[in-house]
N, C-alpha and C. Protein backbone atom coordinates (compact mmCIF):
# COMPACT_ATOMS: atom_id res chain seq x y z
N THR A 1 201.55 123.27 161.66
CA THR A 1 200.10 123.28 161.55
C THR A 1 199.57 121.86 161.68
N VAL A 2 198.31 121.74 162.05
CA VAL A 2 197.70 120.44 162.32
C VAL A 2 197.16 119.84 161.02
N LYS A 3 197.53 118.59 160.77
CA LYS A 3 197.08 117.83 159.59
C LYS A 3 195.89 116.93 159.94
N GLU A 4 195.96 116.27 161.12
CA GLU A 4 194.88 115.40 161.60
C GLU A 4 194.69 115.65 163.09
N LEU A 5 193.45 115.45 163.57
CA LEU A 5 193.13 115.64 164.98
C LEU A 5 192.31 114.46 165.46
N HIS A 6 192.72 113.84 166.60
CA HIS A 6 192.03 112.66 167.13
C HIS A 6 191.86 112.82 168.64
N PHE A 7 190.90 112.06 169.20
CA PHE A 7 190.66 112.09 170.64
C PHE A 7 190.62 110.67 171.18
N ALA A 8 191.28 110.45 172.31
CA ALA A 8 191.25 109.15 173.00
C ALA A 8 190.67 109.36 174.39
N ARG A 9 189.64 108.59 174.73
CA ARG A 9 189.02 108.71 176.06
C ARG A 9 189.80 107.96 177.13
N ALA A 10 190.42 106.84 176.75
CA ALA A 10 191.09 106.01 177.74
C ALA A 10 192.51 105.74 177.26
N PRO A 11 193.45 105.46 178.12
CA PRO A 11 193.30 105.33 179.57
C PRO A 11 193.16 106.67 180.27
N PHE A 12 193.33 107.78 179.54
CA PHE A 12 193.13 109.12 180.07
C PHE A 12 192.79 109.99 178.87
N GLY A 13 192.11 111.09 179.09
CA GLY A 13 191.73 111.96 177.99
C GLY A 13 192.96 112.51 177.27
N SER A 14 193.03 112.30 175.96
CA SER A 14 194.16 112.79 175.18
C SER A 14 193.69 113.30 173.83
N ILE A 15 194.24 114.42 173.42
CA ILE A 15 194.04 114.95 172.08
C ILE A 15 195.33 114.68 171.32
N VAL A 16 195.22 114.04 170.17
CA VAL A 16 196.38 113.68 169.36
C VAL A 16 196.34 114.50 168.08
N CYS A 17 197.37 115.30 167.86
CA CYS A 17 197.47 116.14 166.67
C CYS A 17 198.63 115.66 165.81
N LEU A 18 198.34 115.22 164.60
CA LEU A 18 199.40 114.94 163.63
C LEU A 18 199.73 116.26 162.96
N LEU A 19 200.99 116.65 163.04
CA LEU A 19 201.43 117.91 162.46
C LEU A 19 201.94 117.69 161.03
N HIS A 20 201.94 118.74 160.23
CA HIS A 20 202.37 118.64 158.83
C HIS A 20 203.83 118.24 158.68
N ASP A 21 204.64 118.40 159.73
CA ASP A 21 206.05 118.01 159.64
C ASP A 21 206.27 116.52 159.94
N GLY A 22 205.17 115.75 160.14
CA GLY A 22 205.29 114.31 160.37
C GLY A 22 205.56 113.94 161.82
N THR A 23 205.33 114.85 162.75
CA THR A 23 205.46 114.57 164.18
C THR A 23 204.10 114.70 164.84
N LEU A 24 204.03 114.37 166.12
CA LEU A 24 202.77 114.45 166.86
C LEU A 24 202.88 115.45 168.01
N ALA A 25 201.79 116.11 168.30
CA ALA A 25 201.63 116.89 169.53
C ALA A 25 200.46 116.24 170.25
N ILE A 26 200.69 115.82 171.50
CA ILE A 26 199.67 115.09 172.25
C ILE A 26 199.39 115.85 173.55
N CYS A 27 198.12 116.14 173.79
CA CYS A 27 197.70 116.81 175.02
C CYS A 27 196.93 115.81 175.88
N THR A 28 197.41 115.58 177.09
CA THR A 28 196.72 114.72 178.05
C THR A 28 196.13 115.61 179.12
N PHE A 29 194.90 115.33 179.51
CA PHE A 29 194.27 116.16 180.53
C PHE A 29 193.41 115.32 181.46
N ASP A 30 193.31 115.78 182.70
CA ASP A 30 192.49 115.16 183.72
C ASP A 30 191.85 116.29 184.52
N PRO A 31 190.62 116.70 184.17
CA PRO A 31 189.99 117.82 184.84
C PRO A 31 189.83 117.62 186.35
N SER A 32 189.63 116.38 186.79
CA SER A 32 189.45 116.14 188.23
C SER A 32 190.72 116.45 189.01
N GLU A 33 191.87 116.35 188.37
CA GLU A 33 193.15 116.66 189.01
C GLU A 33 193.69 118.02 188.60
N GLY A 34 193.02 118.67 187.66
CA GLY A 34 193.49 119.96 187.18
C GLY A 34 194.79 119.86 186.39
N VAL A 35 194.97 118.75 185.68
CA VAL A 35 196.22 118.50 184.95
C VAL A 35 195.99 118.63 183.46
N THR A 36 196.84 119.39 182.80
CA THR A 36 196.89 119.48 181.35
C THR A 36 198.36 119.46 180.96
N ALA A 37 198.75 118.54 180.08
CA ALA A 37 200.16 118.42 179.70
C ALA A 37 200.28 118.12 178.21
N TRP A 38 201.12 118.89 177.53
CA TRP A 38 201.42 118.66 176.12
C TRP A 38 202.76 117.96 175.99
N ARG A 39 202.88 117.08 175.02
CA ARG A 39 204.17 116.48 174.71
C ARG A 39 204.31 116.38 173.20
N HIS A 40 205.55 116.40 172.76
CA HIS A 40 205.87 116.32 171.33
C HIS A 40 206.48 114.96 171.08
N TYR A 41 206.02 114.26 170.05
CA TYR A 41 206.49 112.91 169.75
C TYR A 41 207.10 112.89 168.36
N GLU A 42 208.37 112.50 168.28
CA GLU A 42 209.08 112.35 167.02
C GLU A 42 209.54 110.90 166.90
N THR A 43 209.79 110.49 165.69
CA THR A 43 210.33 109.16 165.46
C THR A 43 211.39 109.25 164.37
N SER A 44 212.15 108.19 164.18
CA SER A 44 213.16 108.20 163.11
C SER A 44 212.48 107.83 161.80
N GLY A 45 211.65 108.72 161.34
CA GLY A 45 210.87 108.55 160.13
C GLY A 45 209.84 109.67 160.09
N THR A 46 208.86 109.52 159.22
CA THR A 46 207.81 110.52 159.09
C THR A 46 206.47 109.84 159.33
N ILE A 47 205.69 110.37 160.26
CA ILE A 47 204.36 109.85 160.53
C ILE A 47 203.43 110.42 159.46
N ARG A 48 202.77 109.53 158.71
CA ARG A 48 201.90 109.94 157.60
C ARG A 48 200.44 110.11 158.02
N SER A 49 199.98 109.21 158.93
CA SER A 49 198.60 109.26 159.38
C SER A 49 198.51 108.53 160.71
N VAL A 50 197.50 108.87 161.52
CA VAL A 50 197.31 108.22 162.82
C VAL A 50 195.84 107.90 163.04
N ALA A 51 195.60 106.96 163.96
CA ALA A 51 194.25 106.63 164.40
C ALA A 51 194.35 106.12 165.82
N VAL A 52 193.36 106.43 166.64
CA VAL A 52 193.30 105.93 168.00
C VAL A 52 192.37 104.73 167.98
N GLY A 53 192.81 103.61 168.56
CA GLY A 53 191.99 102.41 168.53
C GLY A 53 192.10 101.60 169.80
N ASP A 54 191.06 100.79 170.04
CA ASP A 54 191.01 99.90 171.18
C ASP A 54 191.31 98.50 170.68
N ASP A 55 192.39 97.92 171.17
CA ASP A 55 192.82 96.60 170.74
C ASP A 55 192.53 95.60 171.86
N GLY A 56 191.29 95.21 172.02
CA GLY A 56 190.93 94.26 173.06
C GLY A 56 191.08 94.82 174.46
N GLY A 57 190.69 96.06 174.66
CA GLY A 57 190.77 96.66 175.98
C GLY A 57 192.00 97.50 176.22
N ASP A 58 192.96 97.46 175.30
CA ASP A 58 194.18 98.24 175.44
C ASP A 58 194.20 99.32 174.36
N VAL A 59 193.99 100.57 174.78
CA VAL A 59 193.95 101.66 173.82
C VAL A 59 195.36 101.96 173.34
N GLY A 60 195.50 102.16 172.05
CA GLY A 60 196.80 102.48 171.49
C GLY A 60 196.65 103.42 170.32
N LEU A 61 197.76 103.95 169.90
CA LEU A 61 197.81 104.86 168.78
C LEU A 61 198.40 104.11 167.59
N TRP A 62 197.65 104.02 166.51
CA TRP A 62 198.11 103.38 165.30
C TRP A 62 198.66 104.45 164.37
N MET A 63 199.84 104.19 163.80
CA MET A 63 200.51 105.19 162.97
C MET A 63 201.00 104.55 161.67
N ALA A 64 200.80 105.24 160.56
CA ALA A 64 201.45 104.87 159.30
C ALA A 64 202.75 105.68 159.28
N VAL A 65 203.89 104.98 159.34
CA VAL A 65 205.19 105.65 159.45
C VAL A 65 206.08 105.24 158.29
N THR A 66 206.63 106.25 157.61
CA THR A 66 207.59 105.99 156.54
C THR A 66 208.99 106.06 157.15
N ARG A 67 209.71 104.95 157.02
CA ARG A 67 211.08 104.83 157.50
C ARG A 67 212.01 104.56 156.32
N THR A 68 213.29 104.38 156.58
CA THR A 68 214.25 104.16 155.49
C THR A 68 213.93 102.90 154.68
N ASN A 69 213.31 101.89 155.30
CA ASN A 69 213.04 100.63 154.62
C ASN A 69 211.63 100.52 154.07
N GLY A 70 210.81 101.58 154.15
CA GLY A 70 209.44 101.52 153.64
C GLY A 70 208.46 102.18 154.59
N THR A 71 207.16 102.00 154.30
CA THR A 71 206.10 102.55 155.15
C THR A 71 205.44 101.40 155.88
N TYR A 72 205.23 101.59 157.19
CA TYR A 72 204.73 100.52 158.05
C TYR A 72 203.58 101.02 158.90
N LEU A 73 202.67 100.11 159.26
CA LEU A 73 201.63 100.39 160.22
C LEU A 73 202.16 99.97 161.58
N GLU A 74 202.29 100.92 162.49
CA GLU A 74 202.88 100.65 163.80
C GLU A 74 201.89 101.04 164.90
N ARG A 75 201.96 100.34 166.00
CA ARG A 75 201.08 100.60 167.14
C ARG A 75 201.91 101.07 168.32
N LEU A 76 201.51 102.18 168.90
CA LEU A 76 202.15 102.71 170.09
C LEU A 76 201.18 102.51 171.24
N PRO A 77 201.39 101.47 172.07
CA PRO A 77 200.47 101.24 173.19
C PRO A 77 200.73 102.26 174.29
N TRP A 78 199.67 102.75 174.90
CA TRP A 78 199.83 103.75 175.95
C TRP A 78 199.91 103.14 177.34
N SER A 79 199.71 101.83 177.45
CA SER A 79 199.70 101.23 178.78
C SER A 79 200.93 100.38 179.08
N ASP A 80 201.78 100.13 178.09
CA ASP A 80 202.97 99.30 178.31
C ASP A 80 204.14 100.15 178.74
N VAL A 81 204.42 100.17 180.04
CA VAL A 81 205.47 101.04 180.54
C VAL A 81 206.88 100.51 180.26
N GLU A 82 207.02 99.20 180.01
CA GLU A 82 208.38 98.68 179.79
C GLU A 82 208.81 98.72 178.33
N ARG A 83 207.96 99.18 177.45
CA ARG A 83 208.30 99.19 176.02
C ARG A 83 208.66 100.59 175.57
N TYR A 84 209.68 101.16 176.16
CA TYR A 84 210.10 102.50 175.78
C TYR A 84 211.01 102.44 174.56
N VAL A 85 210.50 101.82 173.50
CA VAL A 85 211.20 101.74 172.23
C VAL A 85 210.17 101.99 171.13
N ASP A 86 210.64 102.43 170.00
CA ASP A 86 209.78 102.78 168.88
C ASP A 86 209.84 101.67 167.84
N SER A 87 208.75 101.48 167.09
CA SER A 87 208.68 100.50 166.01
C SER A 87 209.08 99.10 166.51
N PHE A 88 208.58 98.73 167.68
CA PHE A 88 209.04 97.52 168.35
C PHE A 88 208.31 96.25 167.92
N VAL A 89 208.97 95.13 168.21
CA VAL A 89 208.37 93.81 168.09
C VAL A 89 208.56 93.13 169.43
N ALA A 90 207.49 92.53 169.94
CA ALA A 90 207.56 91.80 171.20
C ALA A 90 207.37 90.32 170.89
N GLY A 91 208.10 89.49 171.61
CA GLY A 91 208.00 88.06 171.38
C GLY A 91 208.70 87.29 172.48
N ALA A 92 209.17 86.11 172.13
CA ALA A 92 209.87 85.25 173.08
C ALA A 92 211.24 84.90 172.49
N VAL A 93 212.22 84.77 173.36
CA VAL A 93 213.56 84.39 172.93
C VAL A 93 213.51 82.96 172.38
N ALA A 94 214.00 82.78 171.15
CA ALA A 94 214.02 81.46 170.51
C ALA A 94 215.12 80.60 171.14
N ALA A 95 215.09 79.31 170.84
CA ALA A 95 216.07 78.37 171.41
C ALA A 95 217.50 78.77 171.06
N ASP A 96 217.71 79.44 169.92
CA ASP A 96 219.06 79.87 169.53
C ASP A 96 219.38 81.28 170.03
N GLY A 97 218.47 81.88 170.81
CA GLY A 97 218.71 83.20 171.39
C GLY A 97 218.28 84.37 170.52
N THR A 98 217.61 84.09 169.40
CA THR A 98 217.24 85.16 168.47
C THR A 98 215.79 85.60 168.65
N LEU A 99 215.50 86.75 168.04
CA LEU A 99 214.12 87.20 167.85
C LEU A 99 214.03 87.61 166.40
N ALA A 100 213.04 87.05 165.68
CA ALA A 100 212.84 87.35 164.25
C ALA A 100 211.64 88.28 164.09
N GLY A 101 211.31 88.57 162.83
CA GLY A 101 210.17 89.44 162.54
C GLY A 101 210.53 90.91 162.53
N LEU A 102 211.82 91.20 162.31
CA LEU A 102 212.31 92.58 162.38
C LEU A 102 212.77 93.11 161.02
N ALA A 103 212.23 92.58 159.93
CA ALA A 103 212.67 93.00 158.60
C ALA A 103 212.51 94.51 158.39
N HIS A 104 211.50 95.10 159.03
CA HIS A 104 211.28 96.54 158.87
C HIS A 104 212.38 97.37 159.53
N LEU A 105 213.24 96.72 160.31
CA LEU A 105 214.35 97.42 160.98
C LEU A 105 215.71 96.96 160.49
N ASN A 106 215.77 96.27 159.34
CA ASN A 106 217.06 95.80 158.80
C ASN A 106 218.07 96.94 158.74
N GLY A 107 219.27 96.69 159.25
CA GLY A 107 220.35 97.67 159.23
C GLY A 107 220.30 98.69 160.36
N GLU A 108 219.24 98.69 161.16
CA GLU A 108 219.09 99.64 162.26
C GLU A 108 219.69 99.08 163.55
N THR A 109 220.25 99.96 164.37
CA THR A 109 220.69 99.58 165.71
C THR A 109 219.48 99.66 166.62
N VAL A 110 219.18 98.57 167.32
CA VAL A 110 217.97 98.49 168.13
C VAL A 110 218.30 98.21 169.59
N ARG A 111 217.38 98.59 170.43
CA ARG A 111 217.46 98.31 171.87
C ARG A 111 216.82 96.95 172.11
N VAL A 112 217.41 96.16 173.00
CA VAL A 112 216.91 94.83 173.34
C VAL A 112 216.56 94.81 174.82
N ILE A 113 215.30 94.44 175.11
CA ILE A 113 214.83 94.36 176.50
C ILE A 113 214.34 92.94 176.74
N VAL A 114 215.00 92.22 177.64
CA VAL A 114 214.63 90.85 177.97
C VAL A 114 214.16 90.82 179.41
N ARG A 115 212.92 90.30 179.62
CA ARG A 115 212.31 90.26 180.96
C ARG A 115 212.33 91.63 181.64
N GLY A 116 212.18 92.69 180.88
CA GLY A 116 212.15 94.04 181.44
C GLY A 116 213.52 94.63 181.72
N ALA A 117 214.59 93.88 181.44
CA ALA A 117 215.96 94.36 181.68
C ALA A 117 216.64 94.71 180.36
N LEU A 118 217.42 95.77 180.39
CA LEU A 118 218.12 96.23 179.19
C LEU A 118 219.33 95.34 178.91
N TRP A 119 219.43 94.87 177.65
CA TRP A 119 220.55 94.07 177.18
C TRP A 119 221.31 94.91 176.16
N PRO A 120 222.49 94.48 175.72
CA PRO A 120 223.26 95.28 174.75
C PRO A 120 222.48 95.52 173.45
N ASP A 121 222.65 96.73 172.89
CA ASP A 121 222.03 97.05 171.60
C ASP A 121 222.57 96.11 170.53
N GLN A 122 221.75 95.88 169.50
CA GLN A 122 222.12 94.99 168.41
C GLN A 122 221.79 95.66 167.08
N VAL A 123 222.40 95.19 166.00
CA VAL A 123 222.06 95.65 164.66
C VAL A 123 221.23 94.54 164.01
N VAL A 124 220.08 94.92 163.44
CA VAL A 124 219.19 93.95 162.80
C VAL A 124 219.78 93.54 161.46
N ALA A 125 219.89 92.23 161.25
CA ALA A 125 220.37 91.67 159.98
C ALA A 125 219.44 90.52 159.60
N ALA A 126 219.05 90.48 158.34
CA ALA A 126 218.16 89.43 157.83
C ALA A 126 216.89 89.32 158.68
N GLY A 127 216.42 90.46 159.20
CA GLY A 127 215.15 90.48 159.93
C GLY A 127 215.19 89.91 161.32
N GLU A 128 216.39 89.75 161.91
CA GLU A 128 216.46 89.23 163.27
C GLU A 128 217.66 89.78 164.03
N VAL A 129 217.62 89.61 165.36
CA VAL A 129 218.74 89.98 166.21
C VAL A 129 219.06 88.80 167.12
N GLN A 130 220.28 88.81 167.60
CA GLN A 130 220.72 87.84 168.61
C GLN A 130 220.40 88.47 169.96
N ALA A 131 219.20 88.21 170.48
CA ALA A 131 218.75 88.85 171.72
C ALA A 131 219.63 88.46 172.90
N VAL A 132 219.96 87.18 173.00
CA VAL A 132 220.88 86.69 174.04
C VAL A 132 221.86 85.73 173.38
N THR A 133 223.01 85.57 173.98
CA THR A 133 224.04 84.70 173.40
C THR A 133 223.84 83.25 173.84
N ALA A 134 224.53 82.35 173.14
CA ALA A 134 224.49 80.93 173.52
C ALA A 134 225.01 80.75 174.94
N GLN A 135 226.05 81.53 175.31
CA GLN A 135 226.59 81.44 176.68
C GLN A 135 225.57 81.91 177.70
N ASP A 136 224.79 82.96 177.36
CA ASP A 136 223.74 83.42 178.27
C ASP A 136 222.75 82.30 178.54
N ILE A 137 222.40 81.53 177.49
CA ILE A 137 221.44 80.43 177.64
C ILE A 137 222.04 79.30 178.46
N VAL A 138 223.35 79.02 178.28
CA VAL A 138 224.01 78.01 179.11
C VAL A 138 223.97 78.43 180.57
N ASP A 139 224.25 79.72 180.82
CA ASP A 139 224.26 80.24 182.20
C ASP A 139 222.86 80.28 182.81
N ASP A 140 221.83 80.54 181.97
CA ASP A 140 220.45 80.64 182.45
C ASP A 140 219.51 80.07 181.40
N PRO A 141 219.25 78.75 181.45
CA PRO A 141 218.40 78.11 180.43
C PRO A 141 216.98 78.67 180.39
N THR A 142 216.53 79.33 181.45
CA THR A 142 215.17 79.88 181.44
C THR A 142 215.03 81.08 180.52
N LEU A 143 216.14 81.55 179.92
CA LEU A 143 216.06 82.64 178.95
C LEU A 143 215.33 82.22 177.67
N VAL A 144 215.40 80.93 177.33
CA VAL A 144 214.66 80.44 176.17
C VAL A 144 213.17 80.57 176.48
N GLY A 145 212.47 81.29 175.64
CA GLY A 145 211.04 81.53 175.86
C GLY A 145 210.75 82.78 176.68
N ALA A 146 211.79 83.46 177.15
CA ALA A 146 211.59 84.67 177.96
C ALA A 146 211.04 85.79 177.09
N ASP A 147 210.26 86.69 177.70
CA ASP A 147 209.72 87.85 177.00
C ASP A 147 210.86 88.76 176.53
N VAL A 148 210.78 89.18 175.28
CA VAL A 148 211.78 90.10 174.72
C VAL A 148 211.06 91.15 173.89
N VAL A 149 211.53 92.38 174.00
CA VAL A 149 211.02 93.50 173.21
C VAL A 149 212.22 94.14 172.52
N VAL A 150 212.11 94.35 171.21
CA VAL A 150 213.20 94.93 170.43
C VAL A 150 212.63 96.08 169.60
N GLY A 151 213.30 97.23 169.64
CA GLY A 151 212.85 98.37 168.85
C GLY A 151 213.88 99.48 168.86
N LEU A 152 213.53 100.58 168.21
CA LEU A 152 214.42 101.73 168.12
C LEU A 152 214.42 102.50 169.44
N ALA A 153 215.60 102.79 169.94
CA ALA A 153 215.72 103.54 171.19
C ALA A 153 215.37 105.00 170.94
N TYR A 154 214.84 105.64 171.96
CA TYR A 154 214.62 107.08 171.87
C TYR A 154 214.85 107.70 173.23
N THR A 155 215.06 108.99 173.24
CA THR A 155 215.29 109.72 174.48
C THR A 155 214.07 110.56 174.79
N ALA A 156 213.50 110.37 175.95
CA ALA A 156 212.36 111.19 176.39
C ALA A 156 212.90 112.41 177.11
N ARG A 157 212.31 113.56 176.79
CA ARG A 157 212.72 114.81 177.43
C ARG A 157 211.49 115.44 178.07
N ALA A 158 211.67 116.06 179.22
CA ALA A 158 210.57 116.73 179.90
C ALA A 158 211.01 118.12 180.33
N VAL A 159 210.12 119.07 180.18
CA VAL A 159 210.34 120.42 180.66
C VAL A 159 209.25 120.69 181.69
N THR A 160 209.65 120.89 182.92
CA THR A 160 208.67 121.09 183.98
C THR A 160 208.39 122.57 184.20
N LEU A 161 207.26 122.85 184.79
CA LEU A 161 206.89 124.22 185.12
C LEU A 161 207.55 124.62 186.44
N PRO A 162 207.69 125.92 186.70
CA PRO A 162 208.27 126.35 187.98
C PRO A 162 207.38 125.89 189.14
N LEU A 163 208.00 125.66 190.30
CA LEU A 163 207.24 125.26 191.48
C LEU A 163 206.32 126.38 191.93
N GLU A 164 205.15 126.01 192.40
CA GLU A 164 204.17 126.96 192.91
C GLU A 164 204.12 126.79 194.42
N GLY A 165 204.23 127.89 195.15
CA GLY A 165 204.31 127.83 196.61
C GLY A 165 203.00 127.65 197.34
N GLY A 166 201.85 127.73 196.65
CA GLY A 166 200.57 127.53 197.32
C GLY A 166 200.05 128.79 197.98
N ASN A 167 200.12 129.93 197.34
CA ASN A 167 199.62 131.21 197.85
C ASN A 167 198.11 131.12 198.01
N PRO A 168 197.55 131.44 199.19
CA PRO A 168 196.11 131.34 199.40
C PRO A 168 195.31 132.32 198.53
N ARG A 169 195.97 133.35 197.97
CA ARG A 169 195.28 134.31 197.09
C ARG A 169 195.39 133.92 195.62
N GLY A 170 195.86 132.72 195.32
CA GLY A 170 195.98 132.28 193.94
C GLY A 170 197.44 132.13 193.55
N SER A 171 197.64 132.01 192.27
CA SER A 171 198.98 131.77 191.75
C SER A 171 199.90 132.96 192.00
N SER A 172 201.14 132.64 192.33
CA SER A 172 202.14 133.71 192.47
C SER A 172 203.00 133.82 191.22
N GLN A 173 202.71 133.01 190.20
CA GLN A 173 203.48 133.06 188.97
C GLN A 173 203.30 134.42 188.30
N GLY A 174 204.36 135.05 187.96
CA GLY A 174 204.32 136.35 187.29
C GLY A 174 204.17 137.52 188.23
N SER A 175 204.04 137.27 189.53
CA SER A 175 203.90 138.37 190.50
C SER A 175 205.25 138.98 190.80
N LYS A 176 205.24 140.24 191.20
CA LYS A 176 206.49 140.93 191.58
C LYS A 176 206.47 141.29 193.03
C-alpha cells in the first residue's frame, strides 16, 4: 500500500510512491510519446520518507533511508547516468588514492567508478576507500584529482512488454 505520493515534472513526468514496505514504485510517463512505465526501486535498507526537489536545476529524489549504520538523508539524481550506485559519494581522488566521507558505508562493500570506468570493489573502513593504488598513480599521475563515485552496487532489472506488430486495426495483443 502507498504511504506517500509525490510528483516530479522534470526531467520527465514521474509519480513517486513510497510503499509501506520501505520501497518505491515510480511511474514515468510522456503523453506526447504514449509512454507509461512503472519501476520498482529497492535499496539495502528501508526508505522512511521521500521528497522530490530541484537542486540548482537538477531534479532529484531525496530519501530518508535507514541502513545498518543509521538513518541518512540521501539524494538520488535522475540525470546522472554514470552514477548507477546507491548511497553514493562523489568527489576527487586524493593524492594518496583515497576517497573519504564514507562513514555511512563503514563495513560495506562498495563499487568504485573513476572517470566513468569501473574499478575493483572495495570495503569501506574508517570512512574511506582506496579508490586507486599508489602504483596506479605512478602509472598515471593524472588520476590524482580525477572524478570518483563510490556507492553500493545494485542490479537493475527490466521486464519488457511483448512486441506489437503494428496492426492497422489496433492492438493485436490478446487477439486469437
